[in-house]
Amino acid sequence: MLSRNLGSQHLSQAALSRSRFLRLAAGALLPFVGWRLSAAAAATPQLAQNSGASLTNDAAAPGRMGAILVSQFGPVKIHSYLSPADGLQVNTQMIEGPNAVVIFDGQLLLPYAGEVASYVQMLGKPIDRIILSHAHTDHWGGLQVLTERFPDARVFALDGIADQVRARGPARLDGLRRTYGDKVATKIAVPTETITEGPQRIDAVTYDFKRFVDGESDLQLAALLPDQKVLMAFDLVFSPNQHAFTGANQFDHWMIVLESLKALQGYDTIIIGHDTPVGRSAIDSTITYVKRAKEIHAASANAKTYSENLRAAFPDLQQADFVDLSASYLYAVPR
């Protein structure tokens, strides 16, 4: 069960050795860089107050490995499933409307996707659709389970995402399988429907879908839920307590994307890809981090210098191994 301070459910990278962590990162997400492993932050009670939501903690089912936070906005609930550390602590969001559920993202490993599917089935409502936010493997690796458990659910993504998954997916799964064996999908589940930008009404919930390029990843969906005052930013925004992944080397345009999110009105709460919800101030902290990382990158001749200087610039942030991972991409020898 996910408590407000996460208590015994606080998820840590400590269980992963440094070498295994880096192998996992490379195997899971190349070439779709831009993910990070995030220790779960405390759920902020002010977020519920500011947005009109109430935050509750789902009572853990016997044997459930992941944690679930439920945010209620009147008749609409957002169920956030956070996987354990070996699943890269990725979120799956389940938006429960009056009559159906919309699922965003499908986890990395099959067991955690299975927990998502079982939880959705407990809600007792049909799946309207599954939506993939971007092509990083930790967000679609478990779609095989969801599409098998919910065969009538259509899978949506932005135009271009399916091509990325189709082109690189088999190699990514092969790399993961060397580490995780049968916890990894045996086939890729490719989105079959294209989601378009702009407002859409799905089961009495309004989504304003937005498309962003060259941010933390090369192509990513975001969604504003104006009635709930929620922005689903996925991996575009990071927790202020964590290092960000900067290996995509898109510092300038990522900051432009963040400024556009900052200028956007109509939300108080931001749902992110690897942590519990954050407030609008997380955009500023992400901008500060990316700007400083850009400066350090420009002044660093090699990966070691970049890592040392970025760690020193943000000595109190968690997940410092992501700095080394970022450096390995930024200073990779061209092939």
C-alpha atoms as a PDB file:
ATOM      1  CA  MET A   1       0.000   0.000   0.000  1.00  0.00           C
ATOM      2  CA  LEU A   2       1.296   3.446  -0.875  1.00  0.00           C
ATOM      3  CA  SER A   3       1.200   5.665   2.165  1.00  0.00           C
ATOM      4  CA  ARG A   4       1.613   9.413   1.967  1.00  0.00           C
ATOM      5  CA  ASN A   5       5.218   9.189   3.074  1.00  0.00           C
ATOM      6  CA  LEU A   6       5.448   5.823   1.338  1.00  0.00           C
ATOM      7  CA  GLY A   7       6.677   4.225   4.546  1.00  0.00           C
ATOM      8  CA  SER A   8       7.812   0.699   3.954  1.00  0.00           C
ATOM      9  CA  GLN A   9       6.766   0.978   0.301  1.00  0.00           C
ATOM     10  CA  HIS A  10       9.453   3.595  -0.431  1.00  0.00           C
ATOM     11  CA  LEU A  11      11.090   2.234  -3.544  1.00  0.00           C
ATOM     12  CA  SER A  12      14.821   2.496  -3.877  1.00  0.00           C
ATOM     13  CA  GLN A  13      17.446   1.813  -6.464  1.00  0.00           C
ATOM     14  CA  ALA A  14      19.567   0.310  -3.712  1.00  0.00           C
ATOM     15  CA  ALA A  15      18.440  -3.194  -4.653  1.00  0.00           C
ATOM     16  CA  LEU A  16      20.066  -2.799  -8.056  1.00  0.00           C
ATOM     17  CA  SER A  17      23.816  -3.013  -8.362  1.00  0.00           C
ATOM     18  CA  ARG A  18      25.487  -0.228 -10.324  1.00  0.00           C
ATOM     19  CA  SER A  19      26.562  -2.524 -13.162  1.00  0.00           C
ATOM     20  CA  ARG A  20      23.158  -4.195 -13.389  1.00  0.00           C
ATOM     21  CA  PHE A  21      21.436  -0.813 -13.364  1.00  0.00           C
ATOM     22  CA  LEU A  22      23.490   0.410 -16.333  1.00  0.00           C
ATOM     23  CA  ARG A  23      23.029  -2.843 -18.243  1.00  0.00           C
ATOM     24  CA  LEU A  24      19.298  -2.650 -17.690  1.00  0.00           C
ATOM     25  CA  ALA A  25      19.147   0.939 -18.867  1.00  0.00           C
ATOM     26  CA  ALA A  26      21.013   0.222 -22.056  1.00  0.00           C
ATOM     27  CA  GLY A  27      19.077  -2.933 -22.802  1.00  0.00           C
ATOM     28  CA  ALA A  28      15.670  -1.513 -22.051  1.00  0.00           C
ATOM     29  CA  LEU A  29      15.570   1.787 -23.815  1.00  0.00           C
ATOM     30  CA  LEU A  30      18.221   2.219 -26.478  1.00  0.00           C
ATOM     31  CA  PRO A  31      17.922   4.102 -28.762  1.00  0.00           C
ATOM     32  CA  PHE A  32      14.920   5.793 -27.181  1.00  0.00           C
ATOM     33  CA  VAL A  33      16.935   7.576 -24.500  1.00  0.00           C
ATOM     34  CA  GLY A  34      15.240   9.810 -22.002  1.00  0.00           C
ATOM     35  CA  TRP A  35      13.985   7.696 -19.135  1.00  0.00           C
ATOM     36  CA  ARG A  36      15.027   7.712 -15.518  1.00  0.00           C
ATOM     37  CA  LEU A  37      14.683   5.510 -12.472  1.00  0.00           C
ATOM     38  CA  SER A  38      12.870   7.435  -9.756  1.00  0.00           C
ATOM     39  CA  ALA A  39      12.485   6.718  -6.095  1.00  0.00           C
ATOM     40  CA  ALA A  40       8.901   7.434  -5.189  1.00  0.00           C
ATOM     41  CA  ALA A  41       8.407  10.865  -3.669  1.00  0.00           C
ATOM     42  CA  ALA A  42       5.902  11.629  -0.954  1.00  0.00           C
ATOM     43  CA  ALA A  43       2.414  12.388  -2.194  1.00  0.00           C
ATOM     44  CA  THR A  44       1.775  16.071  -1.517  1.00  0.00           C
ATOM     45  CA  PRO A  45      -1.516  16.739   0.305  1.00  0.00           C
ATOM     46  CA  GLN A  46      -1.572  20.290  -1.086  1.00  0.00           C
ATOM     47  CA  LEU A  47      -1.991  18.917  -4.577  1.00  0.00           C
ATOM     48  CA  ALA A  48      -5.332  17.427  -3.650  1.00  0.00           C
ATOM     49  CA  GLN A  49      -6.401  20.673  -2.021  1.00  0.00           C
ATOM     50  CA  ASN A  50      -5.346  22.840  -4.961  1.00  0.00           C
ATOM     51  CA  SER A  51      -6.970  20.677  -7.588  1.00  0.00           C
ATOM     52  CA  GLY A  52     -10.099  19.692  -5.727  1.00  0.00           C
ATOM     53  CA  ALA A  53      -8.938  16.084  -5.575  1.00  0.00           C
ATOM     54  CA  SER A  54      -8.781  13.714  -2.650  1.00  0.00           C
ATOM     55  CA  LEU A  55      -5.803  11.378  -2.435  1.00  0.00           C
ATOM     56  CA  THR A  56      -6.279   7.897  -1.074  1.00  0.00           C
ATOM     57  CA  ASN A  57      -4.112   4.815  -0.920  1.00  0.00           C
ATOM     58  CA  ASP A  58      -5.433   1.643  -2.418  1.00  0.00           C
ATOM     59  CA  ALA A  59      -5.347  -1.249   0.023  1.00  0.00           C
ATOM     60  CA  ALA A  60      -2.759  -3.587  -1.399  1.00  0.00           C
ATOM     61  CA  ALA A  61      -4.047  -6.856  -2.751  1.00  0.00           C
ATOM     62  CA  PRO A  62      -2.311  -9.895  -1.291  1.00  0.00           C
ATOM     63  CA  GLY A  63       1.024 -10.302  -3.005  1.00  0.00           C
ATOM     64  CA  ARG A  64       0.816  -7.109  -5.078  1.00  0.00           C
ATOM     65  CA  MET A  65       4.334  -5.878  -5.843  1.00  0.00           C
ATOM     66  CA  GLY A  66       3.537  -2.395  -7.118  1.00  0.00           C
ATOM     67  CA  ALA A  67       1.958   0.537  -5.277  1.00  0.00           C
ATOM     68  CA  ILE A  68      -1.224   2.408  -6.174  1.00  0.00           C
ATOM     69  CA  LEU A  69      -2.256   5.973  -5.426  1.00  0.00           C
ATOM     70  CA  VAL A  70      -5.851   7.008  -6.148  1.00  0.00           C
ATOM     71  CA  SER A  71      -6.733  10.657  -6.785  1.00  0.00           C
ATOM     72  CA  GLN A  72     -10.453  11.414  -6.935  1.00  0.00           C
ATOM     73  CA  PHE A  73     -11.926  14.426  -8.722  1.00  0.00           C
ATOM     74  CA  GLY A  74     -15.658  14.193  -8.186  1.00  0.00           C
ATOM     75  CA  PRO A  75     -16.919  11.323 -10.356  1.00  0.00           C
ATOM     76  CA  VAL A  76     -13.486  10.833 -11.986  1.00  0.00           C
ATOM     77  CA  LYS A  77     -10.656   8.871 -10.409  1.00  0.00           C
ATOM     78  CA  ILE A  78      -7.017   8.665 -11.501  1.00  0.00           C
ATOM     79  CA  HIS A  79      -5.437   5.405 -10.372  1.00  0.00           C
ATOM     80  CA  SER A  80      -1.633   5.552 -10.546  1.00  0.00           C
ATOM     81  CA  TYR A  81       0.249   2.247 -10.486  1.00  0.00           C
ATOM     82  CA  LEU A  82       3.968   2.556  -9.644  1.00  0.00           C
ATOM     83  CA  SER A  83       6.090  -0.498 -10.347  1.00  0.00           C
ATOM     84  CA  PRO A  84       8.946  -1.690  -8.112  1.00  0.00           C
ATOM     85  CA  ALA A  85      12.582  -0.837  -8.791  1.00  0.00           C
ATOM     86  CA  ASP A  86      13.301  -3.640 -11.241  1.00  0.00           C
ATOM     87  CA  GLY A  87      10.401  -2.362 -13.355  1.00  0.00           C
ATOM     88  CA  LEU A  88      12.082   1.066 -13.430  1.00  0.00           C
ATOM     89  CA  GLN A  89       9.408   2.470 -11.143  1.00  0.00           C
ATOM     90  CA  VAL A  90       7.328   3.451 -14.143  1.00  0.00           C
ATOM     91  CA  ASN A  91       3.764   4.670 -13.807  1.00  0.00           C
ATOM     92  CA  THR A  92       0.653   3.390 -15.495  1.00  0.00           C
ATOM     93  CA  GLN A  93      -2.250   5.815 -15.211  1.00  0.00           C
ATOM     94  CA  MET A  94      -5.819   4.507 -15.219  1.00  0.00           C
ATOM     95  CA  ILE A  95      -8.416   7.230 -15.706  1.00  0.00           C
ATOM     96  CA  GLU A  96     -11.749   5.950 -14.433  1.00  0.00           C
ATOM     97  CA  GLY A  97     -14.765   7.791 -15.765  1.00  0.00           C
ATOM     98  CA  PRO A  98     -18.431   7.067 -15.048  1.00  0.00           C
ATOM     99  CA  ASN A  99     -18.619   4.143 -17.468  1.00  0.00           C
ATOM    100  CA  ALA A 100     -15.141   3.088 -18.594  1.00  0.00           C
ATOM    101  CA  VAL A 101     -11.392   3.232 -17.990  1.00  0.00           C
ATOM    102  CA  VAL A 102      -8.644   4.746 -20.159  1.00  0.00           C
ATOM    103  CA  ILE A 103      -5.168   3.304 -19.582  1.00  0.00           C
ATOM    104  CA  PHE A 104      -2.018   5.324 -20.245  1.00  0.00           C
ATOM    105  CA  ASP A 105       1.186   3.293 -20.741  1.00  0.00           C
ATOM    106  CA  GLY A 106       1.826  -0.368 -20.237  1.00  0.00           C
ATOM    107  CA  GLN A 107       4.797  -0.957 -17.911  1.00  0.00           C
ATOM    108  CA  LEU A 108       8.155  -2.553 -18.714  1.00  0.00           C
ATOM    109  CA  LEU A 109       7.813  -6.099 -17.374  1.00  0.00           C
ATOM    110  CA  LEU A 110       4.984  -8.588 -17.744  1.00  0.00           C
ATOM    111  CA  PRO A 111       4.332  -9.223 -14.019  1.00  0.00           C
ATOM    112  CA  TYR A 112       3.671  -5.544 -13.359  1.00  0.00           C
ATOM    113  CA  ALA A 113       1.516  -5.163 -16.450  1.00  0.00           C
ATOM    114  CA  GLY A 114      -0.388  -8.162 -15.105  1.00  0.00           C
ATOM    115  CA  GLU A 115      -0.948  -6.350 -11.817  1.00  0.00           C
ATOM    116  CA  VAL A 116      -2.272  -3.349 -13.737  1.00  0.00           C
ATOM    117  CA  ALA A 117      -4.657  -5.587 -15.688  1.00  0.00           C
ATOM    118  CA  SER A 118      -5.905  -7.307 -12.550  1.00  0.00           C
ATOM    119  CA  TYR A 119      -6.463  -3.975 -10.826  1.00  0.00           C
ATOM    120  CA  VAL A 120      -8.405  -2.601 -13.786  1.00  0.00           C
ATOM    121  CA  GLN A 121     -10.574  -5.696 -13.795  1.00  0.00           C
ATOM    122  CA  MET A 122     -11.353  -5.058 -10.122  1.00  0.00           C
ATOM    123  CA  LEU A 123     -12.771  -1.663 -11.086  1.00  0.00           C
ATOM    124  CA  GLY A 124     -15.530  -3.484 -12.950  1.00  0.00           C
ATOM    125  CA  LYS A 125     -15.661  -1.179 -15.968  1.00  0.00           C
ATOM    126  CA  PRO A 126     -14.703  -1.843 -19.600  1.00  0.00           C
ATOM    127  CA  ILE A 127     -11.483  -0.499 -21.113  1.00  0.00           C
ATOM    128  CA  ASP A 128     -12.271   2.262 -23.565  1.00  0.00           C
ATOM    129  CA  ARG A 129      -8.724   2.417 -24.946  1.00  0.00           C
ATOM    130  CA  ILE A 130      -5.027   2.163 -24.126  1.00  0.00           C
ATOM    131  CA  ILE A 131      -2.820   5.170 -24.937  1.00  0.00           C
ATOM    132  CA  LEU A 132       0.978   5.061 -25.250  1.00  0.00           C
ATOM    133  CA  SER A 133       2.706   8.305 -24.281  1.00  0.00           C
ATOM    134  CA  HIS A 134       6.009   7.662 -26.076  1.00  0.00           C
ATOM    135  CA  ALA A 135       8.257   4.947 -27.457  1.00  0.00           C
ATOM    136  CA  HIS A 136      10.518   4.231 -24.484  1.00  0.00           C
ATOM    137  CA  THR A 137      10.386   0.529 -23.770  1.00  0.00           C
ATOM    138  CA  ASP A 138       9.553   0.949 -20.099  1.00  0.00           C
ATOM    139  CA  HIS A 139       6.197   2.401 -21.170  1.00  0.00           C
ATOM    140  CA  TRP A 140       5.177  -0.256 -23.700  1.00  0.00           C
ATOM    141  CA  GLY A 141       7.043  -3.448 -22.753  1.00  0.00           C
ATOM    142  CA  GLY A 142       4.023  -4.842 -20.908  1.00  0.00           C
ATOM    143  CA  LEU A 143       1.433  -3.986 -23.544  1.00  0.00           C
ATOM    144  CA  GLN A 144       1.433  -7.645 -24.569  1.00  0.00           C
ATOM    145  CA  VAL A 145      -0.353  -8.465 -21.306  1.00  0.00           C
ATOM    146  CA  LEU A 146      -2.839  -5.617 -21.574  1.00  0.00           C
ATOM    147  CA  THR A 147      -3.765  -6.390 -25.174  1.00  0.00           C
ATOM    148  CA  GLU A 148      -4.201 -10.072 -24.344  1.00  0.00           C
ATOM    149  CA  ARG A 149      -6.289  -9.410 -21.240  1.00  0.00           C
ATOM    150  CA  PHE A 150      -8.356  -6.728 -22.992  1.00  0.00           C
ATOM    151  CA  PRO A 151      -8.484  -7.848 -26.631  1.00  0.00           C
ATOM    152  CA  ASP A 152     -11.210  -5.372 -27.562  1.00  0.00           C
ATOM    153  CA  ALA A 153      -9.249  -2.334 -26.326  1.00  0.00           C
ATOM    154  CA  ARG A 154      -7.740  -0.248 -29.102  1.00  0.00           C
ATOM    155  CA  VAL A 155      -4.168   1.004 -28.603  1.00  0.00           C
ATOM    156  CA  PHE A 156      -3.515   4.633 -29.523  1.00  0.00           C
ATOM    157  CA  ALA A 157      -0.355   6.712 -29.918  1.00  0.00           C
ATOM    158  CA  LEU A 158       0.851   9.790 -31.744  1.00  0.00           C
ATOM    159  CA  ASP A 159       1.665   9.390 -35.411  1.00  0.00           C
ATOM    160  CA  GLY A 160       5.237   8.095 -35.594  1.00  0.00           C
ATOM    161  CA  ILE A 161       5.312   6.240 -32.284  1.00  0.00           C
ATOM    162  CA  ALA A 162       4.156   2.932 -33.770  1.00  0.00           C
ATOM    163  CA  ASP A 163       6.947   3.099 -36.367  1.00  0.00           C
ATOM    164  CA  GLN A 164       9.521   3.591 -33.617  1.00  0.00           C
ATOM    165  CA  VAL A 165       8.214   0.680 -31.583  1.00  0.00           C
ATOM    166  CA  ARG A 166       7.984  -1.572 -34.636  1.00  0.00           C
ATOM    167  CA  ALA A 167      11.505  -0.751 -35.834  1.00  0.00           C
ATOM    168  CA  ARG A 168      13.426  -1.079 -32.585  1.00  0.00           C
ATOM    169  CA  GLY A 169      11.123  -3.081 -30.345  1.00  0.00           C
ATOM    170  CA  PRO A 170      12.361  -6.620 -31.049  1.00  0.00           C
ATOM    171  CA  ALA A 171      15.974  -5.705 -30.310  1.00  0.00           C
ATOM    172  CA  ARG A 172      14.959  -3.955 -27.109  1.00  0.00           C
ATOM    173  CA  LEU A 173      13.029  -6.987 -25.879  1.00  0.00           C
ATOM    174  CA  ASP A 174      15.916  -9.291 -26.766  1.00  0.00           C
ATOM    175  CA  GLY A 175      18.244  -7.148 -24.657  1.00  0.00           C
ATOM    176  CA  LEU A 176      15.873  -7.170 -21.714  1.00  0.00           C
ATOM    177  CA  ARG A 177      15.324 -10.904 -21.951  1.00  0.00           C
ATOM    178  CA  ARG A 178      19.007 -11.553 -21.248  1.00  0.00           C
ATOM    179  CA  THR A 179      18.497  -9.955 -17.844  1.00  0.00           C
ATOM    180  CA  TYR A 180      14.883 -10.762 -16.988  1.00  0.00           C
ATOM    181  CA  GLY A 181      14.063 -13.920 -18.897  1.00  0.00           C
ATOM    182  CA  ASP A 182      10.357 -14.730 -19.016  1.00  0.00           C
ATOM    183  CA  LYS A 183       9.378 -11.480 -17.304  1.00  0.00           C
ATOM    184  CA  VAL A 184       9.880  -9.842 -20.711  1.00  0.00           C
ATOM    185  CA  ALA A 185       7.318  -9.827 -23.502  1.00  0.00           C
ATOM    186  CA  THR A 186       7.707 -12.380 -26.268  1.00  0.00           C
ATOM    187  CA  LYS A 187       6.308 -10.005 -28.859  1.00  0.00           C
ATOM    188  CA  ILE A 188       5.831  -6.289 -29.329  1.00  0.00           C
ATOM    189  CA  ALA A 189       2.374  -4.760 -29.126  1.00  0.00           C
ATOM    190  CA  VAL A 190       2.283  -1.938 -31.650  1.00  0.00           C
ATOM    191  CA  PRO A 191      -0.311   0.862 -31.426  1.00  0.00           C
ATOM    192  CA  THR A 192      -2.872   0.523 -34.190  1.00  0.00           C
ATOM    193  CA  GLU A 193      -4.723   3.829 -33.829  1.00  0.00           C
ATOM    194  CA  THR A 194      -3.433   7.384 -34.174  1.00  0.00           C
ATOM    195  CA  ILE A 195      -4.319   9.929 -31.563  1.00  0.00           C
ATOM    196  CA  THR A 196      -4.701  13.491 -32.787  1.00  0.00           C
ATOM    197  CA  GLU A 197      -3.924  16.735 -31.031  1.00  0.00           C
ATOM    198  CA  GLY A 198      -6.648  18.850 -29.508  1.00  0.00           C
ATOM    199  CA  PRO A 199      -9.620  18.372 -27.166  1.00  0.00           C
ATOM    200  CA  GLN A 200     -11.430  15.058 -27.075  1.00  0.00           C
ATOM    201  CA  ARG A 201     -14.227  13.857 -24.828  1.00  0.00           C
ATOM    202  CA  ILE A 202     -13.801  10.268 -23.658  1.00  0.00           C
ATOM    203  CA  ASP A 203     -16.380   8.882 -21.235  1.00  0.00           C
ATOM    204  CA  ALA A 204     -17.291  12.323 -19.829  1.00  0.00           C
ATOM    205  CA  VAL A 205     -13.625  13.256 -19.341  1.00  0.00           C
ATOM    206  CA  THR A 206     -12.131  16.044 -21.477  1.00  0.00           C
ATOM    207  CA  TYR A 207      -8.557  15.489 -22.669  1.00  0.00           C
ATOM    208  CA  ASP A 208      -6.630  18.171 -24.538  1.00  0.00           C
ATOM    209  CA  PHE A 209      -3.911  16.124 -26.242  1.00  0.00           C
ATOM    210  CA  LYS A 210      -0.631  17.797 -27.136  1.00  0.00           C
ATOM    211  CA  ARG A 211       2.369  16.663 -29.165  1.00  0.00           C
ATOM    212  CA  PHE A 212       5.949  17.594 -28.258  1.00  0.00           C
ATOM    213  CA  VAL A 213       9.200  16.844 -30.082  1.00  0.00           C
ATOM    214  CA  ASP A 214      12.851  16.974 -29.021  1.00  0.00           C
ATOM    215  CA  GLY A 215      12.265  17.307 -25.326  1.00  0.00           C
ATOM    216  CA  GLU A 216      13.421  14.647 -22.926  1.00  0.00           C
ATOM    217  CA  SER A 217      12.470  12.203 -25.668  1.00  0.00           C
ATOM    218  CA  ASP A 218      12.177  12.711 -29.409  1.00  0.00           C
ATOM    219  CA  LEU A 219       8.370  12.482 -29.558  1.00  0.00           C
ATOM    220  CA  GLN A 220       5.949  12.538 -26.671  1.00  0.00           C
ATOM    221  CA  LEU A 221       2.293  12.958 -25.875  1.00  0.00           C
ATOM    222  CA  ALA A 222       0.969  15.134 -23.068  1.00  0.00           C
ATOM    223  CA  ALA A 223      -2.632  15.618 -22.011  1.00  0.00           C
ATOM    224  CA  LEU A 224      -4.379  18.393 -20.130  1.00  0.00           C
ATOM    225  CA  LEU A 225      -7.476  17.399 -18.157  1.00  0.00           C
ATOM    226  CA  PRO A 226      -8.996  20.859 -17.611  1.00  0.00           C
ATOM    227  CA  ASP A 227     -11.951  19.775 -15.491  1.00  0.00           C
ATOM    228  CA  GLN A 228      -9.604  18.015 -13.068  1.00  0.00           C
ATOM    229  CA  LYS A 229      -6.875  20.696 -13.360  1.00  0.00           C
ATOM    230  CA  VAL A 230      -4.348  17.970 -14.134  1.00  0.00           C
ATOM    231  CA  LEU A 231      -1.536  17.897 -16.701  1.00  0.00           C
ATOM    232  CA  MET A 232      -0.305  14.464 -17.711  1.00  0.00           C
ATOM    233  CA  ALA A 233       3.284  15.323 -18.689  1.00  0.00           C
ATOM    234  CA  PHE A 234       4.767  11.823 -18.442  1.00  0.00           C
ATOM    235  CA  ASP A 235       8.561  12.026 -18.936  1.00  0.00           C
ATOM    236  CA  LEU A 236       8.693  15.709 -19.887  1.00  0.00           C
ATOM    237  CA  VAL A 237       8.788  16.854 -16.250  1.00  0.00           C
ATOM    238  CA  PHE A 238      10.839  15.381 -13.400  1.00  0.00           C
ATOM    239  CA  SER A 239      10.500  15.350  -9.663  1.00  0.00           C
ATOM    240  CA  PRO A 240      12.472  18.155  -7.969  1.00  0.00           C
ATOM    241  CA  ASN A 241      14.085  15.510  -5.762  1.00  0.00           C
ATOM    242  CA  GLN A 242      15.648  13.529  -8.603  1.00  0.00           C
ATOM    243  CA  HIS A 243      18.362  13.826 -11.213  1.00  0.00           C
ATOM    244  CA  ALA A 244      16.974  13.989 -14.737  1.00  0.00           C
ATOM    245  CA  PHE A 245      18.165  11.944 -17.676  1.00  0.00           C
ATOM    246  CA  THR A 246      19.928  14.237 -20.157  1.00  0.00           C
ATOM    247  CA  GLY A 247      21.419  11.744 -22.587  1.00  0.00           C
ATOM    248  CA  ALA A 248      19.210  12.794 -25.486  1.00  0.00           C
ATOM    249  CA  ASN A 249      21.329  15.964 -25.845  1.00  0.00           C
ATOM    250  CA  GLN A 250      18.302  18.144 -26.590  1.00  0.00           C
ATOM    251  CA  PHE A 251      18.843  20.708 -23.851  1.00  0.00           C
ATOM    252  CA  ASP A 252      17.714  23.826 -25.699  1.00  0.00           C
ATOM    253  CA  HIS A 253      14.512  22.517 -27.172  1.00  0.00           C
ATOM    254  CA  TRP A 254      13.605  20.640 -24.020  1.00  0.00           C
ATOM    255  CA  MET A 255      13.710  23.955 -22.158  1.00  0.00           C
ATOM    256  CA  ILE A 256      11.444  25.469 -24.825  1.00  0.00           C
ATOM    257  CA  VAL A 257       8.991  22.625 -24.273  1.00  0.00           C
ATOM    258  CA  LEU A 258       9.103  23.168 -20.531  1.00  0.00           C
ATOM    259  CA  GLU A 259       8.479  26.891 -20.935  1.00  0.00           C
ATOM    260  CA  SER A 260       5.443  26.103 -23.073  1.00  0.00           C
ATOM    261  CA  LEU A 261       4.122  23.806 -20.338  1.00  0.00           C
ATOM    262  CA  LYS A 262       4.768  26.516 -17.792  1.00  0.00           C
ATOM    263  CA  ALA A 263       2.762  29.013 -19.850  1.00  0.00           C
ATOM    264  CA  LEU A 264      -0.122  26.583 -20.198  1.00  0.00           C
ATOM    265  CA  GLN A 265      -3.067  27.399 -17.962  1.00  0.00           C
ATOM    266  CA  GLY A 266      -5.712  25.208 -16.421  1.00  0.00           C
ATOM    267  CA  TYR A 267      -3.838  22.794 -14.157  1.00  0.00           C
ATOM    268  CA  ASP A 268      -2.370  22.585 -10.659  1.00  0.00           C
ATOM    269  CA  THR A 269      -1.195  18.984 -10.583  1.00  0.00           C
ATOM    270  CA  ILE A 270       1.320  17.294 -12.902  1.00  0.00           C
ATOM    271  CA  ILE A 271       1.336  13.542 -13.377  1.00  0.00           C
ATOM    272  CA  ILE A 272       4.806  12.361 -14.368  1.00  0.00           C
ATOM    273  CA  GLY A 273       6.223   9.139 -15.725  1.00  0.00           C
ATOM    274  CA  HIS A 274       8.226   7.764 -12.801  1.00  0.00           C
ATOM    275  CA  ASP A 275       6.982   9.294  -9.601  1.00  0.00           C
ATOM    276  CA  THR A 276       3.945  10.452  -7.688  1.00  0.00           C
ATOM    277  CA  PRO A 277       2.236  13.716  -8.733  1.00  0.00           C
ATOM    278  CA  VAL A 278       4.082  17.019  -8.458  1.00  0.00           C
ATOM    279  CA  GLY A 279       3.093  20.686  -8.502  1.00  0.00           C
ATOM    280  CA  ARG A 280       3.782  23.346 -11.125  1.00  0.00           C
ATOM    281  CA  SER A 281       7.056  24.263  -9.422  1.00  0.00           C
ATOM    282  CA  ALA A 282       8.526  20.995 -10.736  1.00  0.00           C
ATOM    283  CA  ILE A 283       8.671  22.617 -14.171  1.00  0.00           C
ATOM    284  CA  ASP A 284      10.964  25.336 -12.836  1.00  0.00           C
ATOM    285  CA  SER A 285      13.186  22.818 -11.087  1.00  0.00           C
ATOM    286  CA  THR A 286      13.416  20.757 -14.290  1.00  0.00           C
ATOM    287  CA  ILE A 287      14.331  23.865 -16.307  1.00  0.00           C
ATOM    288  CA  THR A 288      17.009  24.746 -13.765  1.00  0.00           C
ATOM    289  CA  TYR A 289      18.438  21.260 -13.973  1.00  0.00           C
ATOM    290  CA  VAL A 290      18.444  21.063 -17.770  1.00  0.00           C
ATOM    291  CA  LYS A 291      20.008  24.528 -18.099  1.00  0.00           C
ATOM    292  CA  ARG A 292      22.813  23.657 -15.704  1.00  0.00           C
ATOM    293  CA  ALA A 293      23.362  20.294 -17.375  1.00  0.00           C
ATOM    294  CA  LYS A 294      23.713  22.062 -20.719  1.00  0.00           C
ATOM    295  CA  GLU A 295      26.355  24.410 -19.293  1.00  0.00           C
ATOM    296  CA  ILE A 296      28.285  21.550 -17.744  1.00  0.00           C
ATOM    297  CA  HIS A 297      28.095  19.535 -20.950  1.00  0.00           C
ATOM    298  CA  ALA A 298      29.525  22.437 -22.946  1.00  0.00           C
ATOM    299  CA  ALA A 299      32.442  22.766 -20.527  1.00  0.00           C
ATOM    300  CA  SER A 300      33.182  19.043 -20.095  1.00  0.00           C
ATOM    301  CA  ALA A 301      35.557  17.205 -22.369  1.00  0.00           C
ATOM    302  CA  ASN A 302      34.538  13.714 -21.347  1.00  0.00           C
ATOM    303  CA  ALA A 303      31.924  11.653 -19.547  1.00  0.00           C
ATOM    304  CA  LYS A 304      33.841  11.523 -16.267  1.00  0.00           C
ATOM    305  CA  THR A 305      34.087  15.302 -16.017  1.00  0.00           C
ATOM    306  CA  TYR A 306      30.431  15.756 -16.928  1.00  0.00           C
ATOM    307  CA  SER A 307      29.324  13.276 -14.273  1.00  0.00           C
ATOM    308  CA  GLU A 308      31.497  14.730 -11.547  1.00  0.00           C
ATOM    309  CA  ASN A 309      30.484  18.328 -12.233  1.00  0.00           C
ATOM    310  CA  LEU A 310      26.766  17.614 -12.541  1.00  0.00           C
ATOM    311  CA  ARG A 311      26.755  15.607  -9.335  1.00  0.00           C
ATOM    312  CA  ALA A 312      28.552  18.450  -7.593  1.00  0.00           C
ATOM    313  CA  ALA A 313      26.046  20.985  -8.927  1.00  0.00           C
ATOM    314  CA  PHE A 314      23.117  19.034  -7.429  1.00  0.00           C
ATOM    315  CA  PRO A 315      24.587  17.194  -4.443  1.00  0.00           C
ATOM    316  CA  ASP A 316      21.265  16.555  -2.714  1.00  0.00           C
ATOM    317  CA  LEU A 317      19.357  14.955  -5.579  1.00  0.00           C
ATOM    318  CA  GLN A 318      18.605  11.252  -5.634  1.00  0.00           C
ATOM    319  CA  GLN A 319      19.359   8.746  -8.404  1.00  0.00           C
ATOM    320  CA  ALA A 320      22.856  10.012  -9.128  1.00  0.00           C
ATOM    321  CA  ASP A 321      23.583   6.949 -11.267  1.00  0.00           C
ATOM    322  CA  PHE A 322      21.438   8.566 -13.931  1.00  0.00           C
ATOM    323  CA  VAL A 323      24.131  11.193 -14.319  1.00  0.00           C
ATOM    324  CA  ASP A 324      26.616   8.493 -15.306  1.00  0.00           C
ATOM    325  CA  LEU A 325      24.089   6.957 -17.671  1.00  0.00           C
ATOM    326  CA  SER A 326      23.441  10.320 -19.301  1.00  0.00           C
ATOM    327  CA  ALA A 327      27.167  10.870 -19.718  1.00  0.00           C
ATOM    328  CA  SER A 328      27.570   7.494 -21.392  1.00  0.00           C
ATOM    329  CA  TYR A 329      25.173   8.625 -24.124  1.00  0.00           C
ATOM    330  CA  LEU A 330      26.422  12.185 -24.430  1.00  0.00           C
ATOM    331  CA  TYR A 331      30.038  11.115 -24.894  1.00  0.00           C
ATOM    332  CA  ALA A 332      29.530   7.867 -26.766  1.00  0.00           C
ATOM    333  CA  VAL A 333      32.058   7.178 -29.496  1.00  0.00           C
ATOM    334  CA  PRO A 334      30.313   7.498 -32.895  1.00  0.00           C
ATOM    335  CA  ARG A 335      30.056   4.247 -34.826  1.00  0.00           C
END
